[in-house]
């Protein structure tokens, strides 16, 4: 997923964000201790969150009024990376100590990574077909489709891991 929506087929070859995330995941997976010590101050988290909102707003505006380009692809990919850091940095300040409640779900992250793209695309296209392409429907789909995708992915991963553990291990490479 490179943040370009339906226009991504024109530029999907030049977007290397998937390779960045795969490499980052490998690096973080080999040195988990460094990941634990990544902390942001509340002020830094706030500014990072505002930067993310600005990038998302700018990217959305530009994609609305301009043709997709390499520069817009890079801007969109940057918004994704900054968004991950922003959310990551904010949850420690919003819900301190609550992370252990949900730590069992983190084990499904690789499955979500692998499974989300075909499901998200199918959901978005199906929802646009059902609800139409108005601004309100587009906003609803922009919010609902990823939430449904993540929920469905977690549910399927849980069922597979519980009832078909060998298949789940094979499908995720034991991750």
Protein backbone atom coordinates (compact mmCIF):
# COMPACT_ATOMS: atom_id res chain seq x y z
CA UNK A 1 0.00 0.00 0.00
CA UNK A 2 1.65 3.21 -1.06
CA UNK A 3 -1.02 5.73 -0.16
CA UNK A 4 -2.10 6.51 -3.69
CA UNK A 5 -5.46 4.76 -3.71
CA UNK A 6 -6.79 3.80 -7.10
CA UNK A 7 -4.19 5.82 -9.02
CA UNK A 8 -1.38 3.73 -7.57
CA UNK A 9 -1.26 1.38 -10.57
CA UNK A 10 0.50 4.13 -12.53
CA UNK A 11 3.31 4.50 -10.02
CA UNK A 12 3.44 1.24 -8.07
CA UNK A 13 6.69 0.16 -9.71
CA UNK A 14 8.64 3.20 -8.47
CA UNK A 15 7.29 3.22 -4.94
CA UNK A 16 9.73 1.34 -2.75
CA UNK A 17 7.97 1.89 0.55
CA UNK A 18 7.16 -1.80 0.85
CA UNK A 19 10.88 -2.58 0.69
CA UNK A 20 11.62 0.04 3.35
CA UNK A 21 9.04 -1.44 5.75
CA UNK A 22 10.20 -4.99 5.09
CA UNK A 23 13.82 -4.00 5.76
CA UNK A 24 12.86 -1.98 8.84
CA UNK A 25 10.88 -4.92 10.19
CA UNK A 26 13.88 -7.21 9.70
CA UNK A 27 16.19 -4.76 11.45
CA UNK A 28 13.83 -4.20 14.37
CA UNK A 29 13.13 -7.91 14.65
CA UNK A 30 16.82 -8.68 15.10
CA UNK A 31 17.37 -6.03 17.79
CA UNK A 32 14.19 -5.80 19.85
CA UNK A 33 15.98 -4.18 22.78
CA UNK A 34 16.55 -0.99 20.77
CA UNK A 35 12.86 -0.86 19.88
CA UNK A 36 11.85 -0.86 23.54
CA UNK A 37 13.95 2.23 24.32
CA UNK A 38 12.43 4.45 21.64
CA UNK A 39 10.64 7.16 23.63
CA UNK A 40 9.38 10.59 22.62
CA UNK A 41 8.57 13.44 24.94
CA UNK A 42 4.94 14.57 25.04
CA UNK A 43 5.91 17.79 23.27
CA UNK A 44 7.79 15.92 20.50
CA UNK A 45 4.84 13.57 20.07
CA UNK A 46 2.47 16.52 19.75
CA UNK A 47 4.60 18.20 17.06
CA UNK A 48 5.09 14.90 15.23
CA UNK A 49 1.33 14.38 15.22
CA UNK A 50 0.75 17.90 13.86
CA UNK A 51 3.39 17.30 11.16
CA UNK A 52 1.60 14.10 10.19
CA UNK A 53 -1.76 15.87 9.95
CA UNK A 54 -0.18 18.59 7.81
CA UNK A 55 1.42 16.02 5.49
CA UNK A 56 -1.82 14.06 5.14
CA UNK A 57 -3.76 17.26 4.43
CA UNK A 58 -1.23 18.47 1.87
CA UNK A 59 -1.02 15.09 0.17
CA UNK A 60 -4.80 14.75 0.03
CA UNK A 61 -5.15 18.26 -1.40
CA UNK A 62 -2.46 17.68 -4.03
CA UNK A 63 -3.88 14.32 -5.09
CA UNK A 64 -7.28 15.93 -5.45
CA UNK A 65 -6.10 18.67 -7.78
CA UNK A 66 -2.98 17.31 -9.48
CA UNK A 67 -2.02 14.24 -11.47
CA UNK A 68 -0.07 11.60 -9.55
CA UNK A 69 3.68 12.07 -9.85
CA UNK A 70 6.90 10.78 -8.35
CA UNK A 71 7.01 13.78 -5.99
CA UNK A 72 3.47 13.10 -4.76
CA UNK A 73 4.34 9.44 -4.27
CA UNK A 74 7.32 10.39 -2.11
CA UNK A 75 5.19 12.88 -0.15
CA UNK A 76 2.53 10.23 0.39
CA UNK A 77 5.11 7.67 1.52
CA UNK A 78 6.64 10.24 3.88
CA UNK A 79 3.19 10.87 5.36
CA UNK A 80 2.85 7.14 6.04
CA UNK A 81 6.22 6.92 7.80
CA UNK A 82 5.61 10.08 9.85
CA UNK A 83 2.11 8.79 10.68
CA UNK A 84 3.49 5.55 12.06
CA UNK A 85 5.99 7.44 14.20
CA UNK A 86 3.31 9.90 15.33
CA UNK A 87 0.88 7.21 16.43
CA UNK A 88 3.69 5.20 18.00
CA UNK A 89 4.92 8.19 19.97
CA UNK A 90 1.45 9.30 21.06
CA UNK A 91 0.09 6.07 22.50
CA UNK A 92 2.56 6.14 25.38
CA UNK A 93 1.22 9.54 26.42
CA UNK A 94 -2.47 8.90 25.74
CA UNK A 95 -2.73 5.50 27.45
CA UNK A 96 0.32 4.92 29.63
CA UNK A 97 0.59 1.36 30.87
CA UNK A 98 -2.26 0.15 28.67
CA UNK A 99 -0.08 -1.43 25.98
CA UNK A 100 0.14 -4.80 27.74
CA UNK A 101 -3.64 -5.17 27.43
CA UNK A 102 -3.32 -5.42 23.67
CA UNK A 103 0.07 -7.08 23.33
CA UNK A 104 -1.50 -10.38 22.20
CA UNK A 105 -2.75 -8.59 19.07
CA UNK A 106 0.78 -7.50 18.15
CA UNK A 107 1.62 -11.08 17.26
CA UNK A 108 -0.68 -10.77 14.26
CA UNK A 109 1.15 -7.78 12.74
CA UNK A 110 2.94 -9.78 10.04
CA UNK A 111 -0.28 -11.51 9.03
CA UNK A 112 -2.00 -8.12 8.79
CA UNK A 113 0.91 -6.82 6.69
CA UNK A 114 0.63 -9.73 4.26
CA UNK A 115 -3.15 -9.97 4.16
CA UNK A 116 -4.25 -6.32 4.21
CA UNK A 117 -3.59 -5.25 0.64
CA UNK A 118 -5.83 -7.62 -1.29
CA UNK A 119 -8.61 -7.32 1.29
CA UNK A 120 -8.37 -3.52 1.55
CA UNK A 121 -8.54 -3.10 -2.23
CA UNK A 122 -11.52 -5.44 -2.52
CA UNK A 123 -13.32 -3.67 0.35
CA UNK A 124 -12.72 -0.18 -1.06
CA UNK A 125 -13.90 -1.13 -4.55
CA UNK A 126 -16.93 -2.96 -3.15
CA UNK A 127 -17.85 -0.10 -0.86
CA UNK A 128 -17.52 2.47 -3.66
CA UNK A 129 -19.76 0.25 -5.80
CA UNK A 130 -22.35 -0.02 -3.02
CA UNK A 131 -22.28 3.52 -1.64
CA UNK A 132 -21.19 5.61 -4.61
CA UNK A 133 -18.42 8.15 -5.01
CA UNK A 134 -19.67 11.20 -3.15
CA UNK A 135 -17.36 13.11 -0.83
CA UNK A 136 -19.20 11.83 2.25
CA UNK A 137 -19.00 8.22 1.04
CA UNK A 138 -15.31 8.61 0.22
CA UNK A 139 -14.61 9.89 3.73
CA UNK A 140 -16.61 7.04 5.26
CA UNK A 141 -14.78 4.46 3.14
CA UNK A 142 -11.41 6.06 3.93
CA UNK A 143 -12.08 5.50 7.64
CA UNK A 144 -14.16 2.29 7.60
CA UNK A 145 -12.28 0.16 5.06
CA UNK A 146 -8.97 0.05 6.99
CA UNK A 147 -10.76 -0.61 10.29
CA UNK A 148 -12.75 -3.47 8.75
CA UNK A 149 -9.58 -4.79 7.10
CA UNK A 150 -7.59 -4.79 10.34
CA UNK A 151 -10.46 -6.36 12.30
CA UNK A 152 -11.02 -9.05 9.69
CA UNK A 153 -7.28 -9.76 9.46
CA UNK A 154 -6.96 -10.17 13.23
CA UNK A 155 -10.03 -12.40 13.39
CA UNK A 156 -8.83 -14.60 10.53
CA UNK A 157 -5.31 -14.79 11.96
CA UNK A 158 -6.69 -15.79 15.35
CA UNK A 159 -8.92 -18.51 13.83
CA UNK A 160 -6.10 -19.85 11.65
CA UNK A 161 -3.60 -19.83 14.50
CA UNK A 162 -6.02 -21.63 16.79
CA UNK A 163 -7.53 -24.18 14.38
CA UNK A 164 -4.85 -24.57 11.70
CA UNK A 165 -1.59 -23.70 13.46
CA UNK A 166 0.59 -25.51 10.91
CA UNK A 167 -1.00 -23.58 8.05
CA UNK A 168 -0.70 -20.30 9.96
CA UNK A 169 3.00 -20.93 10.66
CA UNK A 170 3.57 -21.80 7.02
CA UNK A 171 1.65 -18.73 5.77
CA UNK A 172 3.54 -16.35 8.07
CA UNK A 173 6.92 -18.04 7.89
CA UNK A 174 6.71 -18.79 11.61
CA UNK A 175 6.40 -15.10 12.54
